[in-house]
Amino acid sequence: MLSSSSLYAAIDLGSNSFHMLVVREVSGSIQVVTRIKRKVRMATGLDKNNHLSQQAMERGWQCLRLFSEYLQSIPATQIRVVATATLRLAVNSDEFVGKASEILGSPVNIISGEEEARLIYQGVAYTTGGPEKRLVVDIGGASTELVIGVGAKTNQLFSLEMGCVTWLGRYFNDRSLTEENFAHAESAAHRILSPVATTLLEQGWQICVGASGTVQALQEIMIAQGMDELITLPKLQQLRHQAIKCDKLEELEIDGLTLERALVFPSGLAILIAIFQALNIESMTLAGGALREGMVYGMLDLPIEQDIRVRTLRNIQHRFQLDIEQAQRVRQLADNFCQQVAKSWELDERCRELLSSACLLHEIGLCVDFGQRAAHSAYLIRHLDLPGYTPAQKRLLAALLKNQNGSIDLSSLSQQNALLSLQAQRLCRLLRLAIIFSNRRQDETLPALRLQVENETLIITLPYHWLMQYPFRSEALQQEMKWQSYVQWSLFLEEQNNSHLG
């Protein structure tokens, strides 16, 4: 049973939604216990004089009464409540904050735009993998945060007064999804971005991640429409065109877009298009965390590791008592295979890293059952929290582990959107072979073998008489040739004296 003292709560009173995240610390990471989100749309309650309406405040207070029940057993020192852009702007914010603090039994802190940007970056740094130097973009209801940082350190922080709720009221107030409305919304965003764009471009970055509801909505849309996970300007413009064809906001229907997100999606999309154009962003992926994660990790005071994925893999290996030596054995062999065919099969560093992760986790299903270990491995990876991995990458890992042995399910490899389907298939073939060659769980029996590819035909050259010396693995390879042939994958074995077995 969880002790209340082991729980931490972070509450974010945003301009569009109020969020509560309750977690506990597990092995240097956080385990989510509860997430609650309610659309409050506080920003719609601001008038031209920045006076917050009574109706908007009542909506907020009602939401906080819901949150308060969960907080009653959590120590006050382990609760943090922050309010962002709308309450920064509201001239009567004291009235709301006073009653909100009373309802929650904890102080509500209105944080500056810079502090909001810092916490967002901290949440991304704790939960999102990739190259060290990153640009983080978070489009909120009334403000947009842009941050560049390296590891745990921020280099540039900007909080800009534009958001999906305020832009909805200003540029889509007539509920018309016209070319003209989009153009006005994008132009206004460009004007706000103009003073900071040069500074950000001079800093540069290696990877761009988005931490907003708009980016989350885009990921859901792209999955539904069969796109890969990388957000690009052409994809944004394609979705803009789809929205304009719907004509009215109430009639907005895009595959993958939920009703909950539909109202503020066009305004968020317009802002994101402007950001891509102003900063020459090539691609963006979804961040693993943001403001609330930054708040809870800050309370826990845990160190930020340079490679989030290393921490995640280590924690899972420990939690499920995996054979780490065997996992490394499979990883090293698969990595060797990958290097041999990388150029011919167009497997880049990203493919290599994801194959390595699959190898290190491939035996996780053994904790449930040997016979169905592949299916259990896929299920666990699909449903576990994996900080450092995007939702698309989790689906890819699950598909690889599902197909680590036995019959091959091509549909699962084609339905993931982290890599091209053909790349996923190639990684699957290398993983399966690495597992077969490593199944004695002894380093000294691993052969010095060579892989060659001719289009999609894979040729394995083994040492002389190796197949006769190791009959168990020889039989497994013969069976593997059959499994791969069933899905039209060509696999041939030969020994150094050029005698063919396939």
Protein backbone atom coordinates (compact mmCIF):
# COMPACT_ATOMS: atom_id res chain seq x y z
CA MET A 1 0.00 0.00 0.00
CA LEU A 2 1.31 3.44 -0.94
CA SER A 3 2.18 5.76 1.91
CA SER A 4 0.88 9.29 1.39
CA SER A 5 4.39 10.56 2.13
CA SER A 6 5.67 8.83 -1.01
CA LEU A 7 3.33 10.85 -3.26
CA TYR A 8 4.06 14.15 -5.01
CA ALA A 9 1.49 16.35 -6.75
CA ALA A 10 1.96 19.04 -9.41
CA ILE A 11 -0.98 21.23 -10.43
CA ASP A 12 -0.81 23.52 -13.46
CA LEU A 13 -3.54 26.16 -13.78
CA GLY A 14 -3.19 26.79 -17.51
CA SER A 15 -5.04 29.17 -19.77
CA ASN A 16 -6.81 26.36 -21.61
CA SER A 17 -6.80 23.45 -19.16
CA PHE A 18 -6.12 22.71 -15.50
CA HIS A 19 -3.94 19.64 -14.94
CA MET A 20 -3.05 17.59 -11.88
CA LEU A 21 -0.23 15.03 -11.92
CA VAL A 22 0.35 12.74 -8.92
CA VAL A 23 3.47 10.57 -8.93
CA ARG A 24 5.80 8.58 -6.73
CA GLU A 25 9.53 8.09 -7.13
CA VAL A 26 10.71 4.70 -8.37
CA SER A 27 14.40 4.01 -9.01
CA GLY A 28 15.32 7.57 -9.86
CA SER A 29 12.33 8.09 -12.12
CA ILE A 30 8.66 8.91 -11.56
CA GLN A 31 5.71 6.54 -11.64
CA VAL A 32 2.42 8.22 -12.50
CA VAL A 33 -0.31 7.45 -9.99
CA THR A 34 -2.99 9.85 -11.26
CA ARG A 35 -3.46 12.31 -14.11
CA ILE A 36 -6.51 14.58 -14.21
CA LYS A 37 -7.17 17.18 -16.91
CA ARG A 38 -10.14 19.50 -17.21
CA LYS A 39 -10.87 22.06 -19.91
CA VAL A 40 -11.48 25.32 -18.07
CA ARG A 41 -10.49 27.82 -20.82
CA MET A 42 -9.71 30.59 -18.36
CA ALA A 43 -8.30 32.74 -21.16
CA THR A 44 -11.78 33.14 -22.68
CA GLY A 45 -12.81 34.95 -19.49
CA LEU A 46 -10.37 37.85 -20.00
CA ASP A 47 -11.93 41.04 -21.38
CA LYS A 48 -10.08 43.80 -23.24
CA ASN A 49 -9.03 45.31 -19.91
CA ASN A 50 -7.64 41.95 -18.71
CA HIS A 51 -10.40 41.59 -16.15
CA LEU A 52 -11.17 37.91 -15.49
CA SER A 53 -14.90 37.18 -15.50
CA GLN A 54 -16.72 35.70 -12.54
CA GLN A 55 -17.89 32.81 -14.73
CA ALA A 56 -14.32 31.88 -15.66
CA MET A 57 -13.24 31.99 -12.03
CA GLU A 58 -16.16 29.79 -11.00
CA ARG A 59 -15.17 27.22 -13.64
CA GLY A 60 -11.66 27.22 -12.24
CA TRP A 61 -12.75 26.90 -8.60
CA GLN A 62 -15.10 24.05 -9.44
CA CYS A 63 -12.24 22.15 -11.08
CA LEU A 64 -9.99 22.72 -8.07
CA ARG A 65 -12.64 21.31 -5.71
CA LEU A 66 -12.31 18.11 -7.73
CA PHE A 67 -8.51 18.14 -7.37
CA SER A 68 -8.61 18.97 -3.66
CA GLU A 69 -10.00 15.60 -2.57
CA TYR A 70 -6.91 13.83 -3.90
CA LEU A 71 -4.54 16.25 -2.17
CA GLN A 72 -5.85 15.74 1.34
CA SER A 73 -3.48 12.87 2.17
CA ILE A 74 -0.36 14.31 0.48
CA PRO A 75 2.06 16.36 2.63
CA ALA A 76 1.95 20.07 1.81
CA THR A 77 5.70 20.10 1.16
CA GLN A 78 5.14 17.61 -1.66
CA ILE A 79 2.50 19.66 -3.47
CA ARG A 80 3.27 22.44 -5.94
CA VAL A 81 0.60 24.57 -7.63
CA VAL A 82 1.44 27.10 -10.34
CA ALA A 83 -0.65 29.42 -12.49
CA THR A 84 0.51 30.66 -15.89
CA ALA A 85 -0.31 33.21 -18.60
CA THR A 86 -3.97 34.07 -17.98
CA LEU A 87 -3.50 34.70 -14.29
CA ARG A 88 -0.30 36.61 -15.04
CA LEU A 89 -2.39 38.96 -17.17
CA ALA A 90 -5.57 39.17 -15.06
CA VAL A 91 -5.80 42.40 -13.06
CA ASN A 92 -8.03 40.66 -10.52
CA SER A 93 -5.93 37.49 -10.21
CA ASP A 94 -5.65 37.98 -6.42
CA GLU A 95 -9.34 37.20 -6.04
CA PHE A 96 -9.03 33.92 -7.90
CA VAL A 97 -5.73 32.89 -6.30
CA GLY A 98 -6.95 33.60 -2.76
CA LYS A 99 -9.96 31.32 -3.04
CA ALA A 100 -8.04 28.72 -5.08
CA SER A 101 -5.40 28.43 -2.34
CA GLU A 102 -8.14 28.01 0.25
CA ILE A 103 -9.83 25.24 -1.78
CA LEU A 104 -6.59 23.33 -2.34
CA GLY A 105 -5.08 23.93 1.07
CA SER A 106 -1.84 24.84 -0.70
CA PRO A 107 -0.49 28.16 -1.99
CA VAL A 108 -1.02 28.97 -5.67
CA ASN A 109 2.02 30.65 -7.21
CA ILE A 110 1.64 32.78 -10.33
CA ILE A 111 4.92 32.13 -12.10
CA SER A 112 6.65 34.38 -14.61
CA GLY A 113 6.91 33.47 -18.28
CA GLU A 114 10.62 32.78 -17.82
CA GLU A 115 9.97 30.44 -14.87
CA GLU A 116 7.28 28.65 -16.89
CA ALA A 117 9.74 28.21 -19.77
CA ARG A 118 12.42 26.92 -17.37
CA LEU A 119 10.07 24.34 -15.83
CA ILE A 120 8.88 23.21 -19.26
CA TYR A 121 12.48 22.70 -20.35
CA GLN A 122 13.26 20.84 -17.13
CA GLY A 123 10.34 18.48 -17.75
CA VAL A 124 11.56 17.84 -21.30
CA ALA A 125 15.17 17.33 -20.16
CA TYR A 126 14.09 14.65 -17.65
CA THR A 127 11.85 12.74 -20.04
CA THR A 128 12.91 13.21 -23.66
CA GLY A 129 15.85 11.53 -25.39
CA GLY A 130 17.87 12.73 -28.34
CA PRO A 131 20.90 14.96 -29.00
CA GLU A 132 21.95 17.23 -26.20
CA LYS A 133 21.16 20.65 -27.70
CA ARG A 134 17.42 21.05 -28.20
CA LEU A 135 14.80 23.63 -29.02
CA VAL A 136 11.64 23.18 -26.97
CA VAL A 137 8.32 24.63 -28.17
CA ASP A 138 5.23 24.74 -25.94
CA ILE A 139 2.05 26.40 -27.25
CA GLY A 140 -0.27 27.05 -24.33
CA GLY A 141 -3.66 28.68 -24.11
CA ALA A 142 -2.39 32.25 -23.76
CA SER A 143 1.40 32.02 -24.06
CA THR A 144 4.00 30.18 -26.09
CA GLU A 145 7.35 29.21 -24.60
CA LEU A 146 10.50 28.75 -26.69
CA VAL A 147 13.62 27.41 -24.97
CA ILE A 148 17.05 26.32 -26.16
CA GLY A 149 19.16 24.24 -23.80
CA VAL A 150 21.94 21.70 -23.50
CA GLY A 151 21.39 18.78 -21.12
CA ALA A 152 19.92 20.27 -17.93
CA LYS A 153 21.02 23.86 -18.67
CA THR A 154 18.91 26.44 -20.50
CA ASN A 155 20.66 28.89 -22.84
CA GLN A 156 17.70 30.98 -24.02
CA LEU A 157 14.17 31.29 -22.61
CA PHE A 158 11.32 33.22 -24.17
CA SER A 159 7.66 33.42 -23.18
CA LEU A 160 5.54 35.07 -25.87
CA GLU A 161 2.00 36.39 -25.47
CA MET A 162 0.21 34.19 -27.98
CA GLY A 163 -1.69 30.97 -27.44
CA CYS A 164 -4.32 28.71 -28.93
CA VAL A 165 -7.18 30.11 -26.79
CA THR A 166 -6.33 33.80 -27.28
CA TRP A 167 -5.72 33.29 -31.02
CA LEU A 168 -9.07 31.48 -31.27
CA GLY A 169 -10.81 34.54 -29.87
CA ARG A 170 -8.91 37.01 -32.04
CA TYR A 171 -8.65 35.31 -35.43
CA PHE A 172 -11.30 32.59 -35.52
CA ASN A 173 -13.97 34.38 -33.53
CA ASP A 174 -16.44 34.08 -36.43
CA ARG A 175 -15.89 30.27 -36.35
CA SER A 176 -14.83 30.39 -40.03
CA LEU A 177 -11.88 28.28 -41.15
CA THR A 178 -10.94 30.49 -44.08
CA GLU A 179 -7.65 31.12 -45.82
CA GLU A 180 -7.93 34.73 -44.66
CA ASN A 181 -8.38 33.85 -40.98
CA PHE A 182 -5.42 31.49 -41.05
CA ALA A 183 -3.29 34.11 -42.81
CA HIS A 184 -4.15 36.75 -40.17
CA ALA A 185 -3.40 34.33 -37.32
CA GLU A 186 -0.06 33.30 -38.84
CA SER A 187 0.91 36.89 -39.63
CA ALA A 188 0.21 37.98 -36.05
CA ALA A 189 2.33 35.10 -34.75
CA HIS A 190 5.17 36.12 -37.09
CA ARG A 191 5.11 39.66 -35.67
CA ILE A 192 5.48 38.34 -32.11
CA LEU A 193 8.22 35.90 -33.14
CA SER A 194 10.21 38.49 -35.09
CA PRO A 195 12.08 40.08 -32.10
CA VAL A 196 13.36 36.69 -30.81
CA ALA A 197 13.88 34.71 -34.03
CA THR A 198 17.41 35.96 -34.75
CA THR A 199 18.64 35.14 -31.24
CA LEU A 200 17.23 31.61 -31.42
CA LEU A 201 18.61 30.99 -34.90
CA GLU A 202 22.06 32.17 -33.85
CA GLN A 203 22.01 29.69 -30.96
CA GLY A 204 21.07 26.75 -33.19
CA TRP A 205 19.94 23.30 -32.03
CA GLN A 206 20.27 19.63 -32.94
CA ILE A 207 16.70 18.51 -32.28
CA CYS A 208 13.35 20.26 -31.90
CA VAL A 209 10.65 18.90 -29.59
CA GLY A 210 7.11 20.11 -29.00
CA ALA A 211 5.49 19.90 -25.58
CA SER A 212 2.03 21.33 -26.19
CA GLY A 213 -1.49 20.01 -26.64
CA THR A 214 -1.28 21.14 -30.26
CA VAL A 215 1.73 18.88 -30.85
CA GLN A 216 0.01 16.01 -29.02
CA ALA A 217 -3.01 16.47 -31.29
CA LEU A 218 -0.74 16.45 -34.35
CA GLN A 219 0.81 13.15 -33.26
CA GLU A 220 -2.64 11.58 -32.91
CA ILE A 221 -3.65 12.87 -36.35
CA MET A 222 -0.49 11.62 -38.04
CA ILE A 223 -0.85 8.17 -36.51
CA ALA A 224 -4.47 7.99 -37.70
CA GLN A 225 -3.45 9.12 -41.20
CA GLY A 226 -0.50 6.73 -41.53
CA MET A 227 2.24 9.38 -41.40
CA ASP A 228 5.55 8.94 -39.60
CA GLU A 229 6.10 10.71 -36.28
CA LEU A 230 8.18 13.64 -37.57
CA ILE A 231 6.21 16.89 -37.74
CA THR A 232 7.26 18.93 -40.78
CA LEU A 233 6.06 22.15 -42.39
CA PRO A 234 4.55 20.35 -45.43
CA LYS A 235 2.50 18.16 -43.08
CA LEU A 236 1.30 21.23 -41.15
CA GLN A 237 0.30 22.94 -44.38
CA GLN A 238 -1.50 19.80 -45.51
CA LEU A 239 -3.52 19.80 -42.27
CA ARG A 240 -4.20 23.52 -42.69
CA HIS A 241 -5.66 22.73 -46.12
CA GLN A 242 -7.81 19.95 -44.62
CA ALA A 243 -9.12 22.37 -41.97
CA ILE A 244 -9.98 25.06 -44.53
CA LYS A 245 -11.98 22.51 -46.55
CA CYS A 246 -14.18 21.97 -43.47
CA ASP A 247 -15.22 25.66 -43.67
CA LYS A 248 -16.61 26.04 -40.12
CA LEU A 249 -15.06 25.29 -36.74
CA GLU A 250 -18.13 23.29 -35.68
CA GLU A 251 -17.73 21.14 -38.80
CA LEU A 252 -14.00 20.49 -38.36
CA GLU A 253 -13.37 16.79 -38.99
CA ILE A 254 -9.83 15.53 -39.48
CA ASP A 255 -8.95 11.86 -39.05
CA GLY A 256 -7.35 11.46 -35.61
CA LEU A 257 -8.50 14.83 -34.21
CA THR A 258 -10.64 14.39 -31.10
CA LEU A 259 -13.65 16.58 -30.33
CA GLU A 260 -11.92 17.70 -27.13
CA ARG A 261 -9.01 19.22 -29.07
CA ALA A 262 -10.89 20.40 -32.16
CA LEU A 263 -11.94 23.87 -30.89
CA VAL A 264 -8.42 25.23 -30.37
CA PHE A 265 -6.61 23.11 -32.95
CA PRO A 266 -6.76 25.57 -35.90
CA SER A 267 -5.42 28.46 -33.81
CA GLY A 268 -2.63 26.28 -32.39
CA LEU A 269 -1.85 25.02 -35.89
CA ALA A 270 -1.55 28.60 -37.21
CA ILE A 271 0.92 29.49 -34.44
CA LEU A 272 2.97 26.35 -35.05
CA ILE A 273 3.17 27.02 -38.80
CA ALA A 274 4.50 30.50 -38.05
CA ILE A 275 7.08 29.06 -35.63
CA PHE A 276 8.28 26.55 -38.23
CA GLN A 277 8.60 29.30 -40.84
CA ALA A 278 10.22 31.93 -38.60
CA LEU A 279 12.80 29.51 -37.14
CA ASN A 280 13.37 27.37 -40.26
CA ILE A 281 12.50 24.22 -38.33
CA GLU A 282 13.01 21.07 -40.39
CA SER A 283 11.21 18.62 -38.11
CA MET A 284 9.77 18.28 -34.61
CA THR A 285 8.93 15.33 -32.37
CA LEU A 286 6.66 15.08 -29.35
CA ALA A 287 8.30 15.63 -25.95
CA GLY A 288 7.88 13.06 -23.20
CA GLY A 289 7.02 15.65 -20.53
CA ALA A 290 6.77 19.37 -19.89
CA LEU A 291 5.68 21.78 -17.14
CA ARG A 292 4.17 19.33 -14.66
CA GLU A 293 7.02 16.83 -15.03
CA GLY A 294 9.46 19.70 -14.49
CA MET A 295 7.63 20.61 -11.28
CA VAL A 296 7.68 17.10 -9.79
CA TYR A 297 11.28 16.36 -10.76
CA GLY A 298 12.20 19.69 -9.21
CA MET A 299 10.57 18.65 -5.93
CA LEU A 300 12.34 15.29 -6.03
CA ASP A 301 15.66 17.02 -6.78
CA LEU A 302 16.88 14.14 -8.95
CA PRO A 303 19.90 14.59 -11.23
CA ILE A 304 19.27 14.98 -14.96
CA GLU A 305 21.26 12.36 -16.84
CA GLN A 306 22.70 13.19 -20.24
CA ASP A 307 21.01 10.16 -21.81
CA ILE A 308 17.47 9.67 -20.52
CA ARG A 309 17.14 6.40 -22.43
CA VAL A 310 20.05 4.83 -20.57
CA ARG A 311 18.28 5.52 -17.27
CA THR A 312 15.00 4.13 -18.61
CA LEU A 313 16.58 0.93 -19.92
CA ARG A 314 18.53 0.40 -16.71
CA ASN A 315 15.42 0.90 -14.56
CA ILE A 316 13.38 -1.58 -16.59
CA GLN A 317 16.16 -4.17 -16.60
CA HIS A 318 16.37 -3.90 -12.81
CA ARG A 319 12.60 -3.87 -12.27
CA PHE A 320 11.99 -7.00 -14.36
CA GLN A 321 15.25 -8.73 -13.35
CA LEU A 322 16.47 -9.16 -16.91
CA ASP A 323 19.66 -11.04 -17.71
CA ILE A 324 21.78 -7.98 -18.47
CA GLU A 325 24.76 -9.97 -19.77
CA GLN A 326 22.56 -11.77 -22.30
CA ALA A 327 20.88 -8.53 -23.33
CA GLN A 328 24.30 -6.97 -23.96
CA ARG A 329 25.39 -10.08 -25.89
CA VAL A 330 22.39 -9.79 -28.22
CA ARG A 331 22.86 -6.03 -28.52
CA GLN A 332 26.53 -6.29 -29.48
CA LEU A 333 25.85 -8.93 -32.12
CA ALA A 334 22.86 -7.02 -33.56
CA ASP A 335 24.95 -3.85 -33.63
CA ASN A 336 27.68 -5.71 -35.50
CA PHE A 337 25.11 -6.94 -38.03
CA CYS A 338 23.68 -3.44 -38.37
CA GLN A 339 27.09 -1.93 -39.09
CA GLN A 340 27.76 -4.53 -41.79
CA VAL A 341 24.56 -3.78 -43.72
CA ALA A 342 23.91 -0.16 -42.70
CA LYS A 343 24.99 1.40 -45.98
CA SER A 344 23.19 -1.07 -48.27
CA TRP A 345 20.02 -1.09 -46.18
CA GLU A 346 20.03 2.64 -45.32
CA LEU A 347 20.02 2.10 -41.56
CA ASP A 348 21.09 5.35 -39.89
CA GLU A 349 22.14 6.09 -36.29
CA ARG A 350 18.50 6.43 -35.22
CA CYS A 351 17.77 2.90 -36.52
CA ARG A 352 20.85 1.58 -34.77
CA GLU A 353 19.85 3.11 -31.42
CA LEU A 354 16.31 1.73 -31.60
CA LEU A 355 17.58 -1.75 -32.52
CA SER A 356 19.94 -1.56 -29.53
CA SER A 357 17.01 -0.67 -27.24
CA ALA A 358 14.97 -3.60 -28.54
CA CYS A 359 17.87 -5.96 -27.84
CA LEU A 360 18.29 -4.72 -24.27
CA LEU A 361 14.59 -5.26 -23.54
CA HIS A 362 13.80 -8.32 -25.65
CA GLU A 363 13.53 -10.81 -22.75
CA ILE A 364 11.16 -8.73 -20.63
CA GLY A 365 8.28 -11.12 -21.46
CA LEU A 366 10.04 -13.95 -19.64
CA CYS A 367 8.80 -12.44 -16.38
CA VAL A 368 5.30 -13.55 -17.41
CA ASP A 369 5.68 -16.74 -19.44
CA PHE A 370 8.30 -18.43 -21.64
CA GLY A 371 5.91 -19.80 -24.26
CA GLN A 372 4.31 -16.45 -25.06
CA ARG A 373 7.35 -14.32 -24.21
CA ALA A 374 7.30 -12.35 -27.46
CA ALA A 375 3.64 -11.37 -27.08
CA HIS A 376 4.15 -10.48 -23.41
CA SER A 377 7.27 -8.45 -24.24
CA ALA A 378 5.35 -6.45 -26.82
CA TYR A 379 2.45 -5.83 -24.44
CA LEU A 380 4.68 -4.65 -21.61
CA ILE A 381 6.72 -2.27 -23.79
CA ARG A 382 3.58 -0.86 -25.37
CA HIS A 383 2.07 -0.04 -21.97
CA LEU A 384 5.08 0.84 -19.81
CA ASP A 385 6.12 4.45 -19.32
CA LEU A 386 9.41 4.84 -21.24
CA PRO A 387 10.92 8.28 -20.61
CA GLY A 388 13.15 9.23 -23.51
CA TYR A 389 11.09 7.37 -26.12
CA THR A 390 8.30 8.91 -28.16
CA PRO A 391 4.93 7.12 -28.46
CA ALA A 392 5.87 6.15 -32.02
CA GLN A 393 9.19 4.69 -30.87
CA LYS A 394 7.38 2.65 -28.20
CA ARG A 395 5.12 1.19 -30.89
CA LEU A 396 8.17 0.29 -32.98
CA LEU A 397 9.91 -1.41 -30.04
CA ALA A 398 6.73 -3.34 -29.25
CA ALA A 399 6.44 -4.46 -32.89
CA LEU A 400 10.08 -5.61 -32.96
CA LEU A 401 9.68 -7.58 -29.72
CA LYS A 402 6.42 -9.13 -30.91
CA ASN A 403 8.31 -10.44 -33.93
CA GLN A 404 11.51 -11.54 -32.20
CA ASN A 405 10.83 -15.22 -32.92
CA GLY A 406 8.32 -17.53 -34.56
CA SER A 407 5.85 -16.37 -37.21
CA ILE A 408 6.18 -12.82 -38.46
CA ASP A 409 3.36 -10.27 -38.27
CA LEU A 410 4.13 -7.75 -41.02
CA SER A 411 1.12 -5.61 -40.15
CA SER A 412 2.53 -4.62 -36.75
CA LEU A 413 5.77 -3.53 -38.42
CA SER A 414 3.90 -1.44 -40.99
CA GLN A 415 1.48 0.13 -38.48
CA GLN A 416 4.24 1.72 -36.38
CA ASN A 417 5.27 5.20 -37.55
CA ALA A 418 8.71 5.76 -35.99
CA LEU A 419 10.51 4.42 -39.07
CA LEU A 420 9.66 3.52 -42.62
CA SER A 421 8.03 0.09 -42.80
CA LEU A 422 10.95 -1.33 -44.79
CA GLN A 423 13.47 -0.08 -42.20
CA ALA A 424 11.43 -1.68 -39.40
CA GLN A 425 11.38 -4.98 -41.29
CA ARG A 426 15.15 -4.87 -41.73
CA LEU A 427 15.71 -4.20 -38.02
CA CYS A 428 13.38 -7.09 -37.21
CA ARG A 429 15.45 -9.48 -39.33
CA LEU A 430 18.69 -8.44 -37.63
CA LEU A 431 17.15 -8.75 -34.14
CA ARG A 432 15.85 -12.27 -34.84
CA LEU A 433 19.24 -13.42 -36.08
CA ALA A 434 21.12 -11.88 -33.16
CA ILE A 435 18.82 -13.73 -30.74
CA ILE A 436 19.37 -17.06 -32.53
CA PHE A 437 23.14 -16.73 -32.64
CA SER A 438 23.25 -15.71 -28.96
CA ASN A 439 20.92 -18.38 -27.62
CA ARG A 440 23.70 -20.43 -25.95
CA ARG A 441 24.23 -17.42 -23.67
CA GLN A 442 28.01 -17.81 -23.98
CA ASP A 443 30.29 -15.34 -25.70
CA GLU A 444 32.90 -17.88 -26.75
CA THR A 445 30.50 -19.70 -29.11
CA LEU A 446 29.55 -16.62 -31.12
CA PRO A 447 30.84 -17.03 -34.68
CA ALA A 448 32.86 -14.55 -36.71
CA LEU A 449 30.28 -14.28 -39.44
CA ARG A 450 29.75 -11.92 -42.35
CA LEU A 451 26.48 -10.45 -43.61
CA GLN A 452 25.88 -9.26 -47.14
CA VAL A 453 22.75 -7.93 -48.78
CA GLU A 454 21.55 -7.95 -52.36
CA ASN A 455 18.43 -5.80 -52.39
CA GLU A 456 16.28 -7.57 -49.75
CA THR A 457 18.18 -10.85 -49.89
CA LEU A 458 20.32 -11.43 -46.79
CA ILE A 459 23.37 -13.72 -47.12
CA ILE A 460 25.15 -15.02 -44.00
CA THR A 461 28.65 -16.44 -44.40
CA LEU A 462 29.71 -18.69 -41.49
CA PRO A 463 33.06 -20.23 -40.53
CA TYR A 464 33.89 -23.59 -42.09
CA HIS A 465 31.90 -26.47 -40.53
CA TRP A 466 30.24 -24.15 -37.98
CA LEU A 467 26.78 -25.49 -38.80
CA MET A 468 27.91 -29.07 -38.17
CA GLN A 469 29.63 -28.09 -34.94
CA TYR A 470 26.53 -26.35 -33.56
CA PRO A 471 23.49 -28.44 -34.65
CA PHE A 472 20.97 -26.76 -32.34
CA ARG A 473 21.58 -23.32 -33.80
CA SER A 474 21.90 -24.82 -37.27
CA GLU A 475 18.37 -26.19 -36.91
CA ALA A 476 17.14 -22.83 -35.57
CA LEU A 477 18.63 -21.04 -38.59
CA GLN A 478 17.03 -23.51 -41.00
CA GLN A 479 13.66 -22.85 -39.34
CA GLU A 480 14.33 -19.09 -39.47
CA MET A 481 14.87 -19.34 -43.23
CA LYS A 482 11.38 -20.83 -43.47
CA TRP A 483 9.78 -18.18 -41.21
CA GLN A 484 11.33 -15.41 -43.28
CA SER A 485 10.38 -17.03 -46.59
CA TYR A 486 6.72 -17.06 -45.51
CA VAL A 487 6.75 -13.24 -45.66
CA GLN A 488 8.89 -13.15 -48.83
CA TRP A 489 12.14 -12.34 -47.02
CA SER A 490 15.09 -14.15 -48.63
CA LEU A 491 17.70 -15.52 -46.22
CA PHE A 492 20.65 -17.67 -47.36
CA LEU A 493 23.37 -19.40 -45.35
CA GLU A 494 26.80 -20.36 -46.63
CA GLU A 495 30.05 -21.50 -45.09
CA GLN A 496 33.45 -20.18 -45.99
CA ASN A 497 34.05 -23.07 -48.38
CA ASN A 498 31.02 -21.68 -50.31
CA SER A 499 28.75 -24.71 -49.74
CA HIS A 500 25.21 -23.29 -49.68
CA LEU A 501 22.48 -24.38 -47.33
CA GLY A 502 19.70 -22.21 -48.75
